[in-house]
């Protein structure tokens, strides 16, 4: 039986930044995780497979677990600054080790489980009033999409790019996903169909 999806709130970019700044002192691992997610739009399951080496280059290449598609993100500008900051904080001995790792009962390294991280994220979000009542890691992914949408000049192009990133079949799905209001969505859809 399939689990019912729970709708989560989209995090405001500035509030998310505030949460990440708080994490720099109270939960560095969570700060690193949220920073990667907000700059890439990756799913949590994909972020948990990353190594330090993955975020230290000029391009982040991930084969998405859910879709098996290759996701590429350029690591530059502010994203590069943030990754350099986090790598310097953790200063890993082995650059090929998982960033978010745990150990099984036999002492073998494995990616951390997302449920334990989600509990920590919800506690931090509630404590520091992230502005969302229903939070999840999708809130961060949606924040990425909403930020791109809000700063983009050509909304139609942005929506098409976000559809590819999020693997959505229709622009209306993407617009709802990133928290665009119904009126904005109707105006955009009208202009989209006029431009086609």
N, C-alpha and C. Protein backbone atom coordinates (compact mmCIF):
# COMPACT_ATOMS: atom_id res chain seq x y z
N UNK A 1 0.84 -1.18 0.00
CA UNK A 1 0.00 0.00 0.00
C UNK A 1 0.88 1.24 0.00
N UNK A 2 0.56 2.17 -0.87
CA UNK A 2 1.36 3.37 -1.00
C UNK A 2 1.04 4.38 0.09
N UNK A 3 2.10 5.00 0.60
CA UNK A 3 1.93 5.97 1.66
C UNK A 3 1.38 7.27 1.08
N UNK A 4 0.43 7.90 1.77
CA UNK A 4 -0.15 9.15 1.32
C UNK A 4 0.89 10.26 1.45
N UNK A 5 0.99 11.08 0.40
CA UNK A 5 1.95 12.18 0.44
C UNK A 5 1.38 13.32 1.27
N UNK A 6 2.22 13.87 2.11
CA UNK A 6 1.83 15.00 2.95
C UNK A 6 2.41 16.26 2.32
N UNK A 7 1.56 17.25 2.12
CA UNK A 7 2.02 18.50 1.54
C UNK A 7 2.82 19.27 2.59
N UNK A 8 3.96 19.79 2.17
CA UNK A 8 4.80 20.59 3.07
C UNK A 8 4.83 22.03 2.59
N UNK A 9 5.20 22.93 3.49
CA UNK A 9 5.29 24.35 3.16
C UNK A 9 6.62 24.62 2.45
N UNK A 10 6.60 25.64 1.58
CA UNK A 10 7.82 26.09 0.91
C UNK A 10 8.53 27.06 1.86
N UNK A 11 9.81 26.82 2.07
CA UNK A 11 10.60 27.71 2.91
C UNK A 11 10.95 28.98 2.17
N UNK A 12 10.78 30.10 2.84
CA UNK A 12 11.27 31.36 2.32
C UNK A 12 12.80 31.29 2.31
N UNK A 13 13.44 31.74 1.23
CA UNK A 13 14.88 31.64 1.05
C UNK A 13 15.65 32.28 2.20
N UNK A 14 15.21 33.47 2.63
CA UNK A 14 15.92 34.18 3.70
C UNK A 14 15.76 33.47 5.05
N UNK A 15 14.59 32.91 5.30
CA UNK A 15 14.39 32.16 6.55
C UNK A 15 15.22 30.89 6.53
N UNK A 16 15.29 30.27 5.38
CA UNK A 16 16.13 29.07 5.26
C UNK A 16 17.59 29.43 5.51
N UNK A 17 18.02 30.57 4.99
CA UNK A 17 19.39 31.03 5.24
C UNK A 17 19.62 31.23 6.74
N UNK A 18 18.63 31.79 7.43
CA UNK A 18 18.74 32.01 8.87
C UNK A 18 18.88 30.67 9.60
N UNK A 19 18.10 29.68 9.20
CA UNK A 19 18.18 28.35 9.82
C UNK A 19 19.57 27.76 9.60
N UNK A 20 20.09 27.88 8.37
CA UNK A 20 21.42 27.34 8.06
C UNK A 20 22.48 28.05 8.90
N UNK A 21 22.36 29.36 9.07
CA UNK A 21 23.32 30.11 9.91
C UNK A 21 23.27 29.63 11.36
N UNK A 22 22.07 29.36 11.86
CA UNK A 22 21.95 28.82 13.22
C UNK A 22 22.63 27.46 13.30
N UNK A 23 22.47 26.66 12.26
CA UNK A 23 23.07 25.33 12.24
C UNK A 23 24.60 25.38 12.25
N UNK A 24 25.17 26.49 11.81
CA UNK A 24 26.63 26.62 11.83
C UNK A 24 27.18 26.49 13.25
N UNK A 25 26.35 26.80 14.24
CA UNK A 25 26.81 26.67 15.62
C UNK A 25 26.18 25.49 16.36
N UNK A 26 24.93 25.14 16.04
CA UNK A 26 24.25 24.11 16.83
C UNK A 26 24.23 22.72 16.19
N UNK A 27 24.29 22.64 14.85
CA UNK A 27 24.23 21.34 14.17
C UNK A 27 24.86 21.48 12.79
N UNK A 28 26.18 21.43 12.77
CA UNK A 28 26.92 21.66 11.54
C UNK A 28 26.54 20.69 10.42
N UNK A 29 26.34 19.44 10.78
CA UNK A 29 25.98 18.45 9.77
C UNK A 29 24.66 18.84 9.08
N UNK A 30 23.69 19.29 9.86
CA UNK A 30 22.40 19.71 9.29
C UNK A 30 22.59 20.94 8.42
N UNK A 31 23.42 21.87 8.85
CA UNK A 31 23.69 23.06 8.03
C UNK A 31 24.27 22.70 6.68
N UNK A 32 25.23 21.78 6.67
CA UNK A 32 25.86 21.32 5.43
C UNK A 32 24.80 20.68 4.52
N UNK A 33 23.99 19.82 5.09
CA UNK A 33 22.94 19.13 4.34
C UNK A 33 21.97 20.12 3.70
N UNK A 34 21.47 21.06 4.49
CA UNK A 34 20.50 22.04 3.99
C UNK A 34 21.12 22.95 2.93
N UNK A 35 22.39 23.31 3.12
CA UNK A 35 23.07 24.16 2.14
C UNK A 35 23.19 23.45 0.79
N UNK A 36 23.54 22.19 0.80
CA UNK A 36 23.63 21.43 -0.47
C UNK A 36 22.26 21.39 -1.13
N UNK A 37 21.24 21.09 -0.35
CA UNK A 37 19.89 20.96 -0.91
C UNK A 37 19.39 22.28 -1.49
N UNK A 38 19.65 23.37 -0.79
CA UNK A 38 19.10 24.64 -1.28
C UNK A 38 19.81 25.16 -2.53
N UNK A 39 21.05 24.76 -2.75
CA UNK A 39 21.77 25.22 -3.94
C UNK A 39 21.63 24.28 -5.13
N UNK A 40 21.14 23.06 -4.90
CA UNK A 40 21.06 22.09 -6.00
C UNK A 40 19.64 21.64 -6.32
N UNK A 41 18.74 21.69 -5.35
CA UNK A 41 17.40 21.17 -5.57
C UNK A 41 17.34 19.65 -5.58
N UNK A 42 18.40 19.00 -5.11
CA UNK A 42 18.43 17.54 -5.08
C UNK A 42 17.50 16.99 -4.00
N UNK A 43 17.04 15.78 -4.22
CA UNK A 43 16.27 15.06 -3.20
C UNK A 43 17.22 14.64 -2.08
N UNK A 44 16.66 14.47 -0.89
CA UNK A 44 17.46 14.05 0.26
C UNK A 44 18.16 12.73 -0.01
N UNK A 45 17.49 11.80 -0.68
CA UNK A 45 18.10 10.49 -0.95
C UNK A 45 19.35 10.61 -1.81
N UNK A 46 19.41 11.62 -2.65
CA UNK A 46 20.59 11.83 -3.49
C UNK A 46 21.70 12.56 -2.74
N UNK A 47 21.33 13.50 -1.88
CA UNK A 47 22.32 14.24 -1.10
C UNK A 47 23.05 13.30 -0.14
N UNK A 48 22.34 12.33 0.40
CA UNK A 48 22.94 11.43 1.38
C UNK A 48 24.00 10.50 0.78
N UNK A 49 24.08 10.42 -0.54
CA UNK A 49 25.09 9.57 -1.19
C UNK A 49 26.34 10.35 -1.57
N UNK A 50 26.37 11.66 -1.31
CA UNK A 50 27.50 12.49 -1.74
C UNK A 50 28.74 12.27 -0.87
N UNK A 51 29.90 12.39 -1.53
CA UNK A 51 31.18 12.37 -0.82
C UNK A 51 31.73 13.80 -0.80
N UNK A 52 32.74 14.02 0.02
CA UNK A 52 33.38 15.34 0.05
C UNK A 52 33.94 15.70 -1.32
N UNK A 53 34.50 14.73 -2.00
CA UNK A 53 35.07 14.97 -3.32
C UNK A 53 34.01 15.48 -4.30
N UNK A 54 32.78 14.98 -4.16
CA UNK A 54 31.69 15.40 -5.05
C UNK A 54 31.44 16.90 -4.98
N UNK A 55 31.57 17.50 -3.80
CA UNK A 55 31.24 18.91 -3.65
C UNK A 55 32.47 19.82 -3.71
N UNK A 56 33.63 19.24 -3.97
CA UNK A 56 34.87 20.03 -3.99
C UNK A 56 35.30 20.45 -5.39
N UNK A 57 34.69 19.90 -6.42
CA UNK A 57 35.08 20.23 -7.79
C UNK A 57 34.33 21.43 -8.32
N UNK A 58 34.27 21.52 -9.64
CA UNK A 58 33.55 22.62 -10.26
C UNK A 58 32.17 22.18 -10.75
N UNK A 59 31.91 20.87 -10.72
CA UNK A 59 30.62 20.35 -11.15
C UNK A 59 30.20 19.19 -10.25
N UNK A 60 28.95 19.21 -9.86
CA UNK A 60 28.38 18.13 -9.06
C UNK A 60 27.56 17.25 -10.00
N UNK A 61 27.92 15.98 -10.08
CA UNK A 61 27.21 15.04 -10.95
C UNK A 61 26.64 13.93 -10.07
N UNK A 62 25.33 13.74 -10.15
CA UNK A 62 24.64 12.75 -9.33
C UNK A 62 23.70 11.95 -10.22
N UNK A 63 23.71 10.63 -10.06
CA UNK A 63 22.69 9.81 -10.71
C UNK A 63 21.56 9.69 -9.69
N UNK A 64 20.42 10.29 -10.03
CA UNK A 64 19.32 10.34 -9.08
C UNK A 64 18.79 8.94 -8.78
N UNK A 65 18.60 8.67 -7.50
CA UNK A 65 18.11 7.37 -7.06
C UNK A 65 16.72 7.06 -7.60
N UNK A 66 15.84 8.04 -7.54
CA UNK A 66 14.44 7.83 -7.90
C UNK A 66 14.24 7.65 -9.40
N UNK A 67 14.89 8.50 -10.20
CA UNK A 67 14.64 8.51 -11.65
C UNK A 67 15.74 7.87 -12.48
N UNK A 68 16.91 7.66 -11.87
CA UNK A 68 18.10 7.13 -12.55
C UNK A 68 18.64 8.12 -13.59
N UNK A 69 18.17 9.36 -13.57
CA UNK A 69 18.66 10.39 -14.48
C UNK A 69 19.90 11.04 -13.88
N UNK A 70 20.76 11.54 -14.76
CA UNK A 70 21.97 12.24 -14.33
C UNK A 70 21.61 13.70 -14.07
N UNK A 71 21.95 14.17 -12.89
CA UNK A 71 21.71 15.56 -12.50
C UNK A 71 23.07 16.24 -12.38
N UNK A 72 23.24 17.35 -13.11
CA UNK A 72 24.50 18.10 -13.06
C UNK A 72 24.23 19.50 -12.54
N UNK A 73 25.08 19.94 -11.62
CA UNK A 73 25.01 21.31 -11.09
C UNK A 73 26.42 21.88 -11.11
N UNK A 74 26.54 23.08 -11.64
CA UNK A 74 27.83 23.76 -11.57
C UNK A 74 28.05 24.25 -10.15
N UNK A 75 29.25 24.05 -9.65
CA UNK A 75 29.59 24.53 -8.31
C UNK A 75 30.41 25.80 -8.51
N UNK A 76 29.74 26.92 -8.35
CA UNK A 76 30.43 28.20 -8.54
C UNK A 76 29.76 29.28 -7.72
N UNK A 77 30.43 30.41 -7.69
CA UNK A 77 29.96 31.59 -6.97
C UNK A 77 29.63 31.27 -5.52
N UNK A 78 28.44 31.64 -5.09
CA UNK A 78 28.05 31.48 -3.69
C UNK A 78 27.98 30.01 -3.29
N UNK A 79 27.53 29.15 -4.18
CA UNK A 79 27.48 27.71 -3.91
C UNK A 79 28.88 27.20 -3.63
N UNK A 80 29.86 27.59 -4.42
CA UNK A 80 31.25 27.19 -4.23
C UNK A 80 31.78 27.68 -2.89
N UNK A 81 31.48 28.94 -2.55
CA UNK A 81 31.91 29.49 -1.26
C UNK A 81 31.37 28.66 -0.09
N UNK A 82 30.11 28.31 -0.18
CA UNK A 82 29.48 27.55 0.90
C UNK A 82 30.06 26.14 1.00
N UNK A 83 30.31 25.49 -0.12
CA UNK A 83 30.86 24.14 -0.07
C UNK A 83 32.29 24.17 0.47
N UNK A 84 33.07 25.17 0.06
CA UNK A 84 34.43 25.32 0.59
C UNK A 84 34.39 25.55 2.10
N UNK A 85 33.43 26.35 2.54
CA UNK A 85 33.28 26.62 3.98
C UNK A 85 33.02 25.31 4.73
N UNK A 86 32.05 24.54 4.28
CA UNK A 86 31.68 23.31 4.99
C UNK A 86 32.79 22.27 4.96
N UNK A 87 33.46 22.13 3.83
CA UNK A 87 34.55 21.16 3.76
C UNK A 87 35.67 21.57 4.72
N UNK A 88 35.93 22.88 4.82
CA UNK A 88 36.98 23.33 5.76
C UNK A 88 36.57 23.08 7.22
N UNK A 89 35.28 23.16 7.51
CA UNK A 89 34.80 22.89 8.88
C UNK A 89 34.99 21.42 9.23
N UNK A 90 34.61 20.53 8.31
CA UNK A 90 34.69 19.09 8.59
C UNK A 90 36.08 18.52 8.34
N UNK A 91 36.85 19.17 7.47
CA UNK A 91 38.24 18.80 7.19
C UNK A 91 38.45 17.28 7.13
N UNK A 92 37.82 16.63 6.14
CA UNK A 92 37.90 15.16 6.10
C UNK A 92 39.29 14.66 5.74
N UNK A 93 39.67 13.58 6.37
CA UNK A 93 40.95 12.93 6.06
C UNK A 93 40.86 12.27 4.68
N UNK A 94 39.75 11.63 4.41
CA UNK A 94 39.54 10.94 3.14
C UNK A 94 38.45 11.66 2.37
N UNK A 95 38.80 12.29 1.26
CA UNK A 95 37.84 13.07 0.46
C UNK A 95 36.80 12.18 -0.22
N UNK A 96 37.05 10.87 -0.29
CA UNK A 96 36.11 9.95 -0.93
C UNK A 96 35.07 9.39 0.04
N UNK A 97 35.12 9.79 1.30
CA UNK A 97 34.15 9.26 2.25
C UNK A 97 32.83 10.01 2.16
N UNK A 98 31.76 9.35 2.55
CA UNK A 98 30.44 9.97 2.56
C UNK A 98 30.44 11.17 3.50
N UNK A 99 29.74 12.21 3.11
CA UNK A 99 29.61 13.38 3.98
C UNK A 99 28.68 13.04 5.15
N UNK A 100 27.57 12.40 4.84
CA UNK A 100 26.55 12.09 5.83
C UNK A 100 26.53 10.58 6.05
N UNK A 101 27.39 10.13 6.93
CA UNK A 101 27.57 8.69 7.10
C UNK A 101 27.17 8.22 8.49
N UNK A 102 26.83 6.94 8.53
CA UNK A 102 26.60 6.26 9.80
C UNK A 102 27.23 4.88 9.65
N UNK A 103 27.10 4.09 10.68
CA UNK A 103 27.71 2.76 10.66
C UNK A 103 26.65 1.71 11.01
N UNK A 104 26.71 0.59 10.32
CA UNK A 104 25.80 -0.49 10.66
C UNK A 104 26.36 -1.27 11.85
N UNK A 105 25.67 -2.33 12.27
CA UNK A 105 26.09 -3.08 13.47
C UNK A 105 27.45 -3.75 13.30
N UNK A 106 27.87 -3.96 12.05
CA UNK A 106 29.17 -4.58 11.79
C UNK A 106 30.28 -3.54 11.60
N UNK A 107 29.93 -2.27 11.76
CA UNK A 107 30.94 -1.22 11.61
C UNK A 107 31.15 -0.75 10.19
N UNK A 108 30.30 -1.19 9.26
CA UNK A 108 30.41 -0.76 7.86
C UNK A 108 29.79 0.61 7.66
N UNK A 109 30.44 1.43 6.85
CA UNK A 109 29.94 2.77 6.57
C UNK A 109 28.74 2.69 5.64
N UNK A 110 27.74 3.48 5.93
CA UNK A 110 26.56 3.58 5.07
C UNK A 110 26.02 5.01 5.15
N UNK A 111 25.22 5.43 4.15
CA UNK A 111 24.62 6.76 4.26
C UNK A 111 23.69 6.85 5.46
N UNK A 112 23.64 8.03 6.06
CA UNK A 112 22.70 8.24 7.17
C UNK A 112 21.28 8.01 6.70
N UNK A 113 20.42 7.66 7.63
CA UNK A 113 19.02 7.45 7.29
C UNK A 113 18.29 8.78 7.35
N UNK A 114 17.47 9.05 6.37
CA UNK A 114 16.83 10.36 6.29
C UNK A 114 15.81 10.61 7.39
N UNK A 115 15.23 9.59 7.98
CA UNK A 115 14.24 9.81 9.04
C UNK A 115 14.85 10.47 10.27
N UNK A 116 16.05 10.03 10.66
CA UNK A 116 16.68 10.64 11.84
C UNK A 116 17.07 12.09 11.54
N UNK A 117 17.51 12.35 10.32
CA UNK A 117 17.84 13.72 9.93
C UNK A 117 16.59 14.59 9.87
N UNK A 118 15.50 14.02 9.40
CA UNK A 118 14.25 14.78 9.31
C UNK A 118 13.76 15.19 10.70
N UNK A 119 13.87 14.30 11.67
CA UNK A 119 13.47 14.65 13.04
C UNK A 119 14.30 15.83 13.55
N UNK A 120 15.60 15.78 13.30
CA UNK A 120 16.48 16.88 13.72
C UNK A 120 16.10 18.18 13.02
N UNK A 121 15.82 18.10 11.73
CA UNK A 121 15.45 19.29 10.94
C UNK A 121 14.16 19.91 11.48
N UNK A 122 13.19 19.08 11.80
CA UNK A 122 11.92 19.60 12.31
C UNK A 122 12.10 20.28 13.67
N UNK A 123 12.94 19.72 14.51
CA UNK A 123 13.21 20.33 15.82
C UNK A 123 13.89 21.68 15.64
N UNK A 124 14.90 21.73 14.79
CA UNK A 124 15.61 23.00 14.55
C UNK A 124 14.68 24.03 13.93
N UNK A 125 13.88 23.60 12.97
CA UNK A 125 12.96 24.50 12.30
C UNK A 125 11.94 25.08 13.27
N UNK A 126 11.41 24.24 14.12
CA UNK A 126 10.42 24.70 15.11
C UNK A 126 11.07 25.65 16.12
N UNK A 127 12.26 25.30 16.58
CA UNK A 127 12.94 26.11 17.59
C UNK A 127 13.29 27.49 17.07
N UNK A 128 13.72 27.57 15.84
CA UNK A 128 14.17 28.85 15.30
C UNK A 128 13.17 29.46 14.33
N UNK A 129 11.91 29.03 14.47
CA UNK A 129 10.80 29.61 13.72
C UNK A 129 11.14 29.83 12.25
N UNK A 130 11.29 28.76 11.56
CA UNK A 130 11.58 28.85 10.13
C UNK A 130 10.42 29.34 9.30
N UNK A 131 9.28 29.58 9.90
CA UNK A 131 8.15 30.13 9.16
C UNK A 131 7.29 29.08 8.50
N UNK A 132 7.63 27.82 8.67
CA UNK A 132 6.86 26.73 8.09
C UNK A 132 6.26 25.89 9.20
N UNK A 133 5.01 25.54 9.06
CA UNK A 133 4.37 24.66 10.03
C UNK A 133 4.58 23.20 9.65
N UNK A 134 4.49 22.92 8.37
CA UNK A 134 4.66 21.55 7.88
C UNK A 134 5.97 21.50 7.10
N UNK A 135 7.04 21.10 7.77
CA UNK A 135 8.34 21.09 7.11
C UNK A 135 8.79 19.68 6.80
N UNK A 136 9.60 19.61 5.78
CA UNK A 136 10.24 18.37 5.38
C UNK A 136 11.38 18.76 4.47
N UNK A 137 12.15 17.80 4.05
CA UNK A 137 13.26 18.13 3.16
C UNK A 137 12.75 18.64 1.81
N UNK A 138 11.50 18.27 1.46
CA UNK A 138 10.93 18.82 0.23
C UNK A 138 10.73 20.33 0.35
N UNK A 139 10.57 20.84 1.57
CA UNK A 139 10.44 22.29 1.76
C UNK A 139 11.68 23.00 1.21
N UNK A 140 12.84 22.40 1.43
CA UNK A 140 14.10 22.99 0.97
C UNK A 140 14.20 22.87 -0.54
N UNK A 141 13.83 21.73 -1.09
CA UNK A 141 13.84 21.51 -2.54
C UNK A 141 12.89 22.49 -3.23
N UNK A 142 11.73 22.69 -2.63
CA UNK A 142 10.76 23.62 -3.19
C UNK A 142 11.26 25.06 -3.09
N UNK A 143 11.97 25.37 -2.02
CA UNK A 143 12.55 26.70 -1.85
C UNK A 143 13.52 27.01 -2.98
N UNK A 144 14.33 26.01 -3.35
CA UNK A 144 15.24 26.14 -4.49
C UNK A 144 14.46 26.52 -5.75
N UNK A 145 13.38 25.81 -6.03
CA UNK A 145 12.57 26.08 -7.21
C UNK A 145 11.92 27.44 -7.16
N UNK A 146 11.40 27.81 -6.00
CA UNK A 146 10.74 29.10 -5.87
C UNK A 146 11.72 30.24 -6.04
N UNK A 147 12.94 30.07 -5.52
CA UNK A 147 13.96 31.11 -5.66
C UNK A 147 14.32 31.32 -7.13
N UNK A 148 14.54 30.22 -7.86
CA UNK A 148 14.85 30.35 -9.28
C UNK A 148 13.71 31.03 -10.03
N UNK A 149 12.50 30.63 -9.69
CA UNK A 149 11.32 31.22 -10.33
C UNK A 149 11.23 32.72 -10.05
N UNK A 150 11.47 33.12 -8.80
CA UNK A 150 11.29 34.52 -8.41
C UNK A 150 12.37 35.44 -8.98
N UNK A 151 13.58 34.93 -9.22
CA UNK A 151 14.64 35.80 -9.75
C UNK A 151 14.75 35.73 -11.27
N UNK A 152 14.08 34.77 -11.88
CA UNK A 152 14.19 34.59 -13.33
C UNK A 152 13.47 35.68 -14.10
N UNK A 153 14.04 36.07 -15.22
CA UNK A 153 13.43 37.10 -16.07
C UNK A 153 12.33 36.49 -16.94
N UNK A 154 12.63 35.38 -17.59
CA UNK A 154 11.66 34.73 -18.45
C UNK A 154 11.03 33.57 -17.69
N UNK A 155 9.86 33.80 -17.14
CA UNK A 155 9.20 32.80 -16.28
C UNK A 155 8.92 31.50 -17.02
N UNK A 156 8.58 31.59 -18.29
CA UNK A 156 8.28 30.37 -19.05
C UNK A 156 9.51 29.48 -19.16
N UNK A 157 10.66 30.08 -19.46
CA UNK A 157 11.90 29.30 -19.54
C UNK A 157 12.25 28.68 -18.19
N UNK A 158 12.08 29.46 -17.13
CA UNK A 158 12.38 28.96 -15.78
C UNK A 158 11.49 27.77 -15.46
N UNK A 159 10.20 27.88 -15.75
CA UNK A 159 9.28 26.77 -15.46
C UNK A 159 9.68 25.53 -16.25
N UNK A 160 10.06 25.69 -17.50
CA UNK A 160 10.48 24.53 -18.31
C UNK A 160 11.74 23.89 -17.71
N UNK A 161 12.67 24.70 -17.26
CA UNK A 161 13.89 24.17 -16.64
C UNK A 161 13.57 23.46 -15.32
N UNK A 162 12.71 24.08 -14.52
CA UNK A 162 12.32 23.45 -13.26
C UNK A 162 11.57 22.15 -13.48
N UNK A 163 10.74 22.10 -14.53
CA UNK A 163 10.04 20.86 -14.85
C UNK A 163 11.04 19.73 -15.11
N UNK A 164 12.12 20.05 -15.83
CA UNK A 164 13.16 19.04 -16.10
C UNK A 164 13.89 18.65 -14.81
N UNK A 165 14.24 19.63 -14.01
CA UNK A 165 14.95 19.35 -12.75
C UNK A 165 14.11 18.48 -11.83
N UNK A 166 12.82 18.83 -11.70
CA UNK A 166 11.94 18.11 -10.78
C UNK A 166 11.25 16.90 -11.42
N UNK A 167 11.47 16.71 -12.72
CA UNK A 167 10.84 15.60 -13.45
C UNK A 167 9.32 15.66 -13.39
N UNK A 168 8.77 16.84 -13.61
CA UNK A 168 7.33 17.02 -13.64
C UNK A 168 6.83 16.95 -15.08
N UNK A 169 5.61 16.49 -15.26
CA UNK A 169 5.06 16.33 -16.61
C UNK A 169 4.33 17.57 -17.11
N UNK A 170 3.89 18.45 -16.20
CA UNK A 170 3.14 19.63 -16.61
C UNK A 170 3.60 20.86 -15.83
N UNK A 171 3.56 22.03 -16.49
CA UNK A 171 3.93 23.27 -15.78
C UNK A 171 3.08 23.52 -14.54
N UNK A 172 1.81 23.17 -14.58
CA UNK A 172 0.93 23.41 -13.43
C UNK A 172 1.40 22.64 -12.19
N UNK A 173 1.95 21.45 -12.39
CA UNK A 173 2.47 20.66 -11.27
C UNK A 173 3.66 21.37 -10.65
N UNK A 174 4.55 21.87 -11.49
CA UNK A 174 5.74 22.57 -11.01
C UNK A 174 5.36 23.85 -10.27
N UNK A 175 4.42 24.60 -10.82
CA UNK A 175 4.00 25.85 -10.18
C UNK A 175 3.38 25.59 -8.80
N UNK A 176 2.56 24.57 -8.71
CA UNK A 176 1.98 24.23 -7.41
C UNK A 176 3.07 23.76 -6.45
N UNK A 177 4.00 22.99 -6.95
CA UNK A 177 5.08 22.44 -6.14
C UNK A 177 5.93 23.53 -5.50
N UNK A 178 6.20 24.60 -6.25
CA UNK A 178 7.06 25.66 -5.73
C UNK A 178 6.28 26.76 -5.02
N UNK A 179 4.97 26.58 -4.88
CA UNK A 179 4.17 27.51 -4.09
C UNK A 179 3.73 28.76 -4.80
N UNK A 180 3.59 28.72 -6.11
CA UNK A 180 3.10 29.87 -6.86
C UNK A 180 1.59 29.94 -6.69
N UNK A 181 1.07 31.12 -6.43
CA UNK A 181 -0.37 31.28 -6.17
C UNK A 181 -1.19 30.93 -7.41
N UNK A 182 -2.46 30.62 -7.19
CA UNK A 182 -3.36 30.24 -8.28
C UNK A 182 -3.46 31.34 -9.33
N UNK A 183 -3.55 32.60 -8.90
CA UNK A 183 -3.66 33.71 -9.85
C UNK A 183 -2.39 33.84 -10.68
N UNK A 184 -1.22 33.78 -10.02
CA UNK A 184 0.05 33.84 -10.75
C UNK A 184 0.15 32.69 -11.74
N UNK A 185 -0.29 31.52 -11.30
CA UNK A 185 -0.23 30.33 -12.15
C UNK A 185 -1.09 30.52 -13.40
N UNK A 186 -2.31 31.03 -13.23
CA UNK A 186 -3.20 31.23 -14.38
C UNK A 186 -2.60 32.24 -15.36
N UNK A 187 -2.06 33.33 -14.83
CA UNK A 187 -1.43 34.34 -15.70
C UNK A 187 -0.24 33.75 -16.45
N UNK A 188 0.58 32.97 -15.76
CA UNK A 188 1.74 32.36 -16.40
C UNK A 188 1.31 31.34 -17.45
N UNK A 189 0.33 30.51 -17.11
CA UNK A 189 -0.14 29.49 -18.05
C UNK A 189 -0.70 30.15 -19.29
N UNK A 190 -1.44 31.26 -19.14
CA UNK A 190 -1.97 31.98 -20.30
C UNK A 190 -0.83 32.46 -21.19
N UNK A 191 0.21 33.05 -20.59
CA UNK A 191 1.34 33.55 -21.39
C UNK A 191 2.13 32.39 -21.99
N UNK A 192 2.19 31.27 -21.30
CA UNK A 192 2.89 30.10 -21.82
C UNK A 192 2.22 29.61 -23.09
N UNK A 193 0.90 29.52 -23.06
CA UNK A 193 0.18 29.00 -24.24
C UNK A 193 0.18 30.01 -25.38
N UNK A 194 0.23 31.29 -25.06
CA UNK A 194 0.32 32.31 -26.11
C UNK A 194 1.68 32.23 -26.80
N UNK A 195 2.74 32.00 -26.00
CA UNK A 195 4.10 31.96 -26.56
C UNK A 195 4.37 30.68 -27.36
N UNK A 196 3.58 29.65 -27.16
CA UNK A 196 3.86 28.36 -27.84
C UNK A 196 3.45 28.37 -29.28
